Amino acid sequence: MMRSVAGLSMKLPSGRWWACALVAALAGWIALVPATPVLAQVAKPAMARTGLALHGMLPDKAAWRSYKTRFITEQGRVVDTANGRISHSEGQGYGMLLAVAADDRAAFERIWAWTRANLLVRDDQLAAWRWEPDRRPAVADMNNATDGDLLIAWALTEAGEVWADGGYRIAARRIAVEIGRKLILPGTANGSLLLPGMAGFSADDRPDGPVLNLSYYVFPAFQRLPIVAPEFDWAELGRAGLRLIDKARFSKARLPSDWVTLKDGMPQPAQGFPAEFSYNALRVPLYLAWAGFDQPRHHVDYLNLWRSADRRVVALVELTGGTVSTRLSEPGYLALPALSACASAGVPFPRHVLSPQGSENYYPATLHLLALVAARMRYPSCLQS
């Protein structure tokens, strides 16, 4: 509408009646703007874009076809093959991001349609976090997972930009606004905090609350969500997240635990959760590198762990004693140390990490593709064989 009005103003013939008509039309249009704040925000020219666009950053069509075949149903459900074949908002968001990166609008729309029909079943704009194929109802827990919501909103933002689809932009804004209103706690002693979900993590919900998950700080999403929800200070949220990660250096391993309490101001492993650097927290260096946080201090502790263990595996750590608890042998996990080494020291990806395997489960396969996308966006020279 804004471009149409501007276009008309350039082509109007001379004459007083045209001027009167234009004034009347503009007055009527302006009167509508306060009543439609969401549309007004989405229709803004994208003058304040930040971060890097995702589109086209997964050019390996064979790898994407293999991923779709193994993990995405014809209906658009992203299947977690090592976790009872459930689906979750995180996986739907990852699938949507990868579809944009692969320039596959048909796959994107299938994944989004399934997500909309099966996970957007709460009484707000956030997604229920888990869908179980063998349960009725399939959504037994109506809580959200904030990282899934961030991933979905980010993917919709990217899709709205590249495919010029106002529907995607509006959906992205609705989710981002809900996150901003309900899940960001501004002005704390540690800056803005990101709650992992609507229920169960605040100081009102837990004696050691607030409890956070630092892998839910999806830093590259914070750089793009101002496109659809500029009224929230996503940059401050990112700065606060970086400070927390710097402080959450537990045990001799100097690594964050999956779940962190801020009850006493300083991060500590949260009560009731294993004090482990585990399947959640290993995504922290992925998001740091993806957002361009590439100083050695951002990655050195992760690389120290992964270099000291068998180079053919990615190690997880029990933080009470600082000992390795699990060794992840599926090759997709190896893309994480490759990305950290690339971002912080310019080390090229090993040749065996450049090509995804066809036998991995959902999670390592997804992390592998995400790491390759992040490297292509930020550090393309590392992908040159």
Protein backbone atom coordinates (compact mmCIF):
# COMPACT_ATOMS: atom_id res chain seq x y z
CA MET A 1 0.00 0.00 0.00
CA MET A 2 2.77 2.44 0.83
CA ARG A 3 4.50 1.81 -2.49
CA SER A 4 1.19 2.09 -4.32
CA VAL A 5 0.48 5.49 -2.79
CA ALA A 6 3.99 6.64 -3.60
CA GLY A 7 3.61 5.38 -7.13
CA LEU A 8 0.34 7.24 -7.64
CA SER A 9 1.85 10.47 -6.37
CA MET A 10 4.45 10.29 -9.12
CA LYS A 11 1.97 9.73 -11.94
CA LEU A 12 -0.96 12.03 -11.12
CA PRO A 13 -2.00 14.51 -13.81
CA SER A 14 -2.12 18.17 -12.86
CA GLY A 15 -5.38 19.71 -11.67
CA ARG A 16 -6.97 20.77 -8.39
CA TRP A 17 -9.47 17.91 -8.33
CA TRP A 18 -6.66 15.38 -8.38
CA ALA A 19 -5.04 17.09 -5.41
CA CYS A 20 -8.30 17.05 -3.45
CA ALA A 21 -8.85 13.39 -4.24
CA LEU A 22 -5.31 12.50 -3.20
CA VAL A 23 -5.67 14.36 0.12
CA ALA A 24 -8.96 12.59 0.82
CA ALA A 25 -7.50 9.20 -0.05
CA LEU A 26 -4.45 9.75 2.10
CA ALA A 27 -6.57 10.92 5.01
CA GLY A 28 -8.69 7.78 4.80
CA TRP A 29 -5.63 5.55 4.60
CA ILE A 30 -3.85 7.24 7.53
CA ALA A 31 -6.99 6.88 9.66
CA LEU A 32 -6.70 3.11 9.30
CA VAL A 33 -3.12 2.84 10.48
CA PRO A 34 -3.64 3.11 14.26
CA ALA A 35 -6.28 0.37 14.08
CA THR A 36 -3.89 -2.09 12.40
CA PRO A 37 -0.57 -1.87 14.27
CA VAL A 38 0.64 -5.31 13.18
CA LEU A 39 0.19 -4.53 9.51
CA ALA A 40 1.75 -1.11 9.98
CA GLN A 41 4.85 -2.65 11.50
CA VAL A 42 5.16 -5.32 8.82
CA ALA A 43 4.69 -2.81 6.02
CA LYS A 44 7.65 -0.66 7.12
CA PRO A 45 10.47 -0.42 4.60
CA ALA A 46 13.29 -2.72 5.62
CA MET A 47 15.76 0.11 6.28
CA ALA A 48 17.09 -1.27 9.56
CA ARG A 49 17.93 -4.81 8.53
CA THR A 50 20.64 -6.44 10.58
CA GLY A 51 22.44 -9.71 10.38
CA LEU A 52 22.80 -11.74 7.20
CA ALA A 53 20.07 -13.23 5.03
CA LEU A 54 19.71 -17.01 5.11
CA HIS A 55 18.37 -17.66 1.63
CA GLY A 56 20.53 -19.77 -0.68
CA MET A 57 23.07 -20.73 1.98
CA LEU A 58 22.46 -24.48 1.54
CA PRO A 59 23.36 -25.07 -2.11
CA ASP A 60 24.04 -28.80 -1.63
CA LYS A 61 20.80 -30.07 -3.16
CA ALA A 62 21.70 -33.72 -2.70
CA ALA A 63 22.25 -33.21 1.04
CA TRP A 64 18.93 -31.39 1.34
CA ARG A 65 17.05 -34.08 -0.62
CA SER A 66 18.53 -36.74 1.64
CA TYR A 67 17.55 -34.78 4.75
CA LYS A 68 13.97 -34.36 3.52
CA THR A 69 13.66 -38.02 2.66
CA ARG A 70 14.85 -39.18 6.08
CA PHE A 71 13.28 -36.65 8.42
CA ILE A 72 10.40 -34.70 6.82
CA THR A 73 7.11 -36.43 6.10
CA GLU A 74 4.91 -35.59 3.13
CA GLN A 75 2.67 -33.68 5.56
CA GLY A 76 5.59 -31.54 6.78
CA ARG A 77 6.32 -33.14 10.15
CA VAL A 78 10.02 -33.11 11.10
CA VAL A 79 10.73 -36.45 12.80
CA ASP A 80 13.21 -36.86 15.66
CA THR A 81 14.37 -40.36 14.78
CA ALA A 82 16.33 -41.00 18.00
CA ASN A 83 13.60 -39.78 20.34
CA GLY A 84 10.56 -41.96 19.77
CA ARG A 85 9.92 -40.32 16.37
CA ILE A 86 8.33 -37.34 18.10
CA SER A 87 8.21 -33.88 16.62
CA HIS A 88 8.87 -30.63 18.43
CA SER A 89 8.82 -26.92 17.78
CA GLU A 90 12.61 -26.83 17.64
CA GLY A 91 12.69 -29.40 14.84
CA GLN A 92 9.95 -27.65 12.88
CA GLY A 93 11.86 -24.40 13.17
CA TYR A 94 15.11 -26.00 12.03
CA GLY A 95 13.34 -27.59 9.09
CA MET A 96 11.85 -24.27 8.04
CA LEU A 97 15.23 -22.53 8.29
CA LEU A 98 16.92 -25.21 6.21
CA ALA A 99 14.14 -25.02 3.60
CA VAL A 100 14.77 -21.29 3.20
CA ALA A 101 18.52 -21.90 3.02
CA ALA A 102 17.88 -24.51 0.30
CA ASP A 103 15.45 -22.22 -1.58
CA ASP A 104 12.73 -24.85 -1.27
CA ARG A 105 9.50 -22.94 -0.80
CA ALA A 106 7.30 -26.01 -1.25
CA ALA A 107 9.03 -27.82 1.61
CA PHE A 108 8.91 -24.67 3.73
CA GLU A 109 5.17 -24.35 3.25
CA ARG A 110 4.57 -28.03 4.10
CA ILE A 111 6.56 -27.74 7.32
CA TRP A 112 4.89 -24.47 8.26
CA ALA A 113 1.41 -25.82 7.48
CA TRP A 114 1.96 -28.87 9.71
CA THR A 115 3.38 -26.68 12.47
CA ARG A 116 0.45 -24.29 12.27
CA ALA A 117 -2.11 -27.08 12.38
CA ASN A 118 -0.52 -29.25 15.07
CA LEU A 119 1.62 -27.08 17.36
CA LEU A 120 -0.01 -23.66 17.26
CA VAL A 121 -2.81 -24.97 19.45
CA ARG A 122 -2.32 -22.81 22.52
CA ASP A 123 -4.44 -19.75 23.29
CA ASP A 124 -1.62 -17.45 22.21
CA GLN A 125 0.80 -17.26 19.27
CA LEU A 126 3.40 -19.61 20.75
CA ALA A 127 3.85 -23.27 19.78
CA ALA A 128 3.30 -26.27 22.00
CA TRP A 129 6.72 -27.79 22.28
CA ARG A 130 6.15 -31.52 21.67
CA TRP A 131 3.95 -33.73 19.46
CA GLU A 132 3.97 -37.49 20.12
CA PRO A 133 2.73 -39.84 17.38
CA ASP A 134 1.59 -42.60 19.77
CA ARG A 135 -0.39 -40.42 22.19
CA ARG A 136 -3.91 -39.06 22.01
CA PRO A 137 -4.00 -36.18 22.19
CA ALA A 138 -0.63 -35.97 20.50
CA VAL A 139 0.09 -32.72 22.35
CA ALA A 140 -0.08 -33.67 26.01
CA ASP A 141 1.98 -30.75 27.36
CA MET A 142 0.82 -27.30 26.29
CA ASN A 143 3.95 -25.52 27.47
CA ASN A 144 6.08 -23.85 24.83
CA ALA A 145 9.84 -24.03 24.24
CA THR A 146 11.19 -20.57 23.55
CA ASP A 147 13.99 -21.70 21.26
CA GLY A 148 11.43 -23.41 19.02
CA ASP A 149 9.37 -20.23 18.88
CA LEU A 150 12.46 -18.17 18.05
CA LEU A 151 13.49 -20.55 15.27
CA ILE A 152 10.00 -20.54 13.74
CA ALA A 153 9.73 -16.75 13.92
CA TRP A 154 13.18 -16.34 12.40
CA ALA A 155 12.40 -18.78 9.58
CA LEU A 156 9.13 -16.97 8.82
CA THR A 157 10.99 -13.65 8.79
CA GLU A 158 13.49 -14.99 6.27
CA ALA A 159 10.72 -16.51 4.15
CA GLY A 160 8.74 -13.27 4.17
CA GLU A 161 11.80 -11.38 3.01
CA VAL A 162 12.98 -13.67 0.22
CA TRP A 163 9.55 -14.65 -1.13
CA ALA A 164 7.90 -11.27 -0.44
CA ASP A 165 5.02 -12.94 1.38
CA GLY A 166 3.10 -10.71 3.74
CA GLY A 167 1.46 -13.71 5.40
CA TYR A 168 4.82 -15.07 6.52
CA ARG A 169 5.83 -11.63 7.83
CA ILE A 170 2.63 -11.24 9.83
CA ALA A 171 2.98 -14.73 11.33
CA ALA A 172 6.62 -14.00 12.20
CA ARG A 173 5.63 -10.77 13.89
CA ARG A 174 2.86 -12.37 15.92
CA ILE A 175 5.23 -14.98 17.34
CA ALA A 176 8.07 -12.51 17.91
CA VAL A 177 5.76 -10.11 19.75
CA GLU A 178 4.56 -12.91 22.03
CA ILE A 179 8.17 -13.80 22.81
CA GLY A 180 8.97 -10.16 23.50
CA ARG A 181 5.96 -9.60 25.72
CA LYS A 182 5.89 -12.86 27.64
CA LEU A 183 9.32 -14.46 27.64
CA ILE A 184 11.84 -11.61 27.80
CA LEU A 185 12.45 -10.23 31.30
CA PRO A 186 14.01 -6.78 30.83
CA GLY A 187 15.92 -4.75 33.37
CA THR A 188 17.19 -7.48 35.69
CA ALA A 189 20.57 -7.32 37.41
CA ASN A 190 21.88 -9.44 34.51
CA GLY A 191 20.14 -7.42 31.82
CA SER A 192 17.38 -8.87 29.68
CA LEU A 193 16.70 -12.55 30.33
CA LEU A 194 15.05 -15.11 28.08
CA LEU A 195 12.77 -17.58 29.86
CA PRO A 196 12.87 -21.09 28.34
CA GLY A 197 9.08 -21.42 28.48
CA MET A 198 5.91 -19.84 29.75
CA ALA A 199 5.56 -22.21 32.70
CA GLY A 200 8.04 -23.67 35.13
CA PHE A 201 11.13 -21.46 34.95
CA SER A 202 10.47 -18.08 36.59
CA ALA A 203 11.23 -17.07 40.18
CA ASP A 204 7.53 -17.57 40.91
CA ASP A 205 7.63 -21.12 39.56
CA ARG A 206 10.84 -22.46 41.12
CA PRO A 207 12.73 -21.89 44.37
CA ASP A 208 15.93 -21.46 42.33
CA GLY A 209 14.28 -19.42 39.58
CA PRO A 210 14.76 -17.87 37.21
CA VAL A 211 16.21 -20.88 35.42
CA LEU A 212 17.59 -20.37 31.91
CA ASN A 213 18.88 -22.51 29.08
CA LEU A 214 21.75 -20.66 27.39
CA SER A 215 21.36 -22.71 24.20
CA TYR A 216 17.97 -21.02 23.76
CA TYR A 217 19.76 -17.74 23.04
CA VAL A 218 19.57 -18.04 19.25
CA PHE A 219 21.88 -15.11 18.51
CA PRO A 220 21.47 -15.05 14.69
CA ALA A 221 17.69 -14.85 15.18
CA PHE A 222 18.11 -11.81 17.43
CA GLN A 223 19.88 -10.09 14.53
CA ARG A 224 16.94 -10.62 12.15
CA LEU A 225 13.81 -10.33 14.27
CA PRO A 226 14.00 -6.50 14.34
CA ILE A 227 12.69 -6.73 10.78
CA VAL A 228 9.28 -7.81 12.09
CA ALA A 229 9.31 -6.71 15.74
CA PRO A 230 11.54 -3.63 16.01
CA GLU A 231 9.97 -2.41 19.24
CA PHE A 232 11.88 -5.02 21.27
CA ASP A 233 15.56 -4.64 22.10
CA TRP A 234 16.84 -7.87 20.60
CA ALA A 235 20.39 -6.52 20.58
CA GLU A 236 20.33 -6.03 24.36
CA LEU A 237 18.95 -9.54 24.78
CA GLY A 238 21.93 -10.80 22.79
CA ARG A 239 24.43 -8.73 24.79
CA ALA A 240 22.99 -10.04 28.06
CA GLY A 241 23.16 -13.60 26.74
CA LEU A 242 26.81 -13.17 25.85
CA ARG A 243 27.58 -11.89 29.33
CA LEU A 244 25.82 -14.86 30.90
CA ILE A 245 27.72 -17.33 28.73
CA ASP A 246 30.98 -15.66 29.74
CA LYS A 247 30.02 -16.07 33.41
CA ALA A 248 28.71 -19.64 33.13
CA ARG A 249 32.13 -21.31 33.13
CA PHE A 250 31.63 -24.23 35.47
CA SER A 251 34.23 -26.67 36.86
CA LYS A 252 37.69 -27.11 35.43
CA ALA A 253 36.09 -27.63 32.02
CA ARG A 254 34.87 -23.98 32.05
CA LEU A 255 31.68 -24.93 30.20
CA PRO A 256 28.00 -24.02 30.71
CA SER A 257 25.49 -26.54 31.97
CA ASP A 258 22.33 -27.16 29.98
CA TRP A 259 20.21 -25.52 32.71
CA VAL A 260 21.38 -22.52 34.72
CA THR A 261 19.93 -20.77 37.76
CA LEU A 262 20.30 -17.03 38.40
CA LYS A 263 18.70 -17.04 41.82
CA ASP A 264 21.73 -15.43 43.48
CA GLY A 265 22.72 -13.30 40.52
CA MET A 266 25.63 -15.38 39.28
CA PRO A 267 24.94 -18.37 37.00
CA GLN A 268 25.10 -21.79 38.65
CA PRO A 269 23.91 -25.24 37.49
CA ALA A 270 20.18 -25.39 38.19
CA GLN A 271 18.68 -27.66 40.81
CA GLY A 272 16.82 -30.76 39.61
CA PHE A 273 18.76 -31.00 36.33
CA PRO A 274 22.00 -32.90 35.67
CA ALA A 275 24.98 -30.54 36.00
CA GLU A 276 26.16 -31.38 32.50
CA PHE A 277 27.42 -29.72 29.38
CA SER A 278 25.21 -31.89 27.23
CA TYR A 279 22.90 -32.12 24.22
CA ASN A 280 21.46 -28.63 24.76
CA ALA A 281 24.56 -26.62 25.60
CA LEU A 282 26.64 -27.97 22.74
CA ARG A 283 24.59 -25.64 20.50
CA VAL A 284 25.96 -22.54 22.26
CA PRO A 285 29.12 -22.30 20.10
CA LEU A 286 27.01 -22.98 16.99
CA TYR A 287 24.85 -19.93 17.62
CA LEU A 288 27.82 -17.80 18.64
CA ALA A 289 29.69 -18.56 15.43
CA TRP A 290 26.55 -18.20 13.32
CA ALA A 291 26.00 -14.69 14.67
CA GLY A 292 29.60 -13.69 13.96
CA PHE A 293 30.94 -13.92 17.51
CA ASP A 294 34.29 -15.28 16.45
CA GLN A 295 36.83 -14.11 19.01
CA PRO A 296 38.94 -16.95 20.40
CA ARG A 297 37.49 -16.38 23.89
CA HIS A 298 34.05 -17.33 22.57
CA HIS A 299 35.22 -20.79 21.46
CA VAL A 300 38.41 -21.76 23.26
CA ASP A 301 36.82 -23.78 26.07
CA TYR A 302 34.66 -25.84 23.70
CA LEU A 303 37.65 -26.50 21.47
CA ASN A 304 39.85 -27.43 24.44
CA LEU A 305 37.31 -30.10 25.36
CA TRP A 306 36.85 -31.42 21.86
CA ARG A 307 40.58 -31.44 21.07
CA SER A 308 41.46 -33.29 24.26
CA ALA A 309 38.96 -36.08 23.54
CA ASP A 310 39.06 -38.48 20.62
CA ARG A 311 38.90 -36.31 17.48
CA ARG A 312 36.42 -38.76 15.99
CA VAL A 313 33.80 -37.94 18.62
CA VAL A 314 32.26 -34.91 20.30
CA ALA A 315 32.49 -35.11 24.07
CA LEU A 316 29.91 -34.06 26.66
CA VAL A 317 30.95 -33.32 30.24
CA GLU A 318 29.65 -34.00 33.73
CA LEU A 319 30.51 -30.68 35.36
CA THR A 320 30.66 -31.66 39.03
CA GLY A 321 33.92 -33.49 38.44
CA GLY A 322 34.72 -32.09 35.01
CA THR A 323 34.93 -35.54 33.42
CA VAL A 324 33.69 -36.70 30.02
CA SER A 325 30.27 -38.30 30.40
CA THR A 326 29.34 -39.14 26.82
CA ARG A 327 31.13 -39.44 23.50
CA LEU A 328 28.94 -38.68 20.50
CA SER A 329 30.15 -40.70 17.55
CA GLU A 330 27.65 -39.79 14.82
CA PRO A 331 29.70 -37.76 12.32
CA GLY A 332 27.30 -34.81 12.11
CA TYR A 333 28.37 -33.67 15.56
CA LEU A 334 31.91 -33.12 14.23
CA ALA A 335 30.63 -30.08 12.33
CA LEU A 336 30.41 -28.19 15.65
CA PRO A 337 34.14 -28.20 16.50
CA ALA A 338 34.84 -27.61 12.81
CA LEU A 339 32.70 -24.47 12.88
CA SER A 340 34.26 -23.18 16.12
CA ALA A 341 37.78 -23.71 14.77
CA CYS A 342 36.78 -22.03 11.52
CA ALA A 343 35.18 -19.02 13.22
CA SER A 344 37.86 -18.40 15.83
CA ALA A 345 41.03 -19.38 13.95
CA GLY A 346 40.17 -19.61 10.25
CA VAL A 347 40.79 -23.39 10.17
CA PRO A 348 39.21 -24.95 7.07
CA PHE A 349 36.53 -27.59 7.58
CA PRO A 350 37.99 -31.10 7.36
CA ARG A 351 37.10 -32.73 4.07
CA HIS A 352 35.03 -35.46 5.75
CA VAL A 353 32.83 -32.80 7.40
CA LEU A 354 32.01 -31.02 4.16
CA SER A 355 29.65 -33.76 2.97
CA PRO A 356 26.81 -34.89 5.28
CA GLN A 357 26.36 -38.61 5.82
CA GLY A 358 23.17 -40.50 5.04
CA SER A 359 22.96 -42.67 8.14
CA GLU A 360 22.71 -40.17 11.00
CA ASN A 361 19.79 -39.49 13.28
CA TYR A 362 17.81 -36.27 13.17
CA TYR A 363 19.79 -34.22 15.70
CA PRO A 364 23.38 -34.68 14.43
CA ALA A 365 22.17 -34.47 10.83
CA THR A 366 20.42 -31.19 11.58
CA LEU A 367 23.37 -29.71 13.46
CA HIS A 368 25.61 -30.71 10.57
CA LEU A 369 23.54 -28.82 7.99
CA LEU A 370 23.12 -25.83 10.29
CA ALA A 371 26.87 -25.61 10.84
CA LEU A 372 27.49 -25.72 7.09
CA VAL A 373 24.89 -22.99 6.56
CA ALA A 374 26.47 -20.86 9.29
CA ALA A 375 29.92 -21.29 7.77
CA ARG A 376 28.71 -20.37 4.29
CA MET A 377 27.00 -17.26 5.66
CA ARG A 378 29.88 -16.05 7.83
CA TYR A 379 33.11 -17.83 6.92
CA PRO A 380 32.87 -19.16 3.36
CA SER A 381 36.62 -19.52 2.96
CA CYS A 382 36.54 -22.33 5.54
CA LEU A 383 34.48 -24.46 3.17
CA GLN A 384 37.01 -24.40 0.35
CA SER A 385 38.51 -27.85 0.03
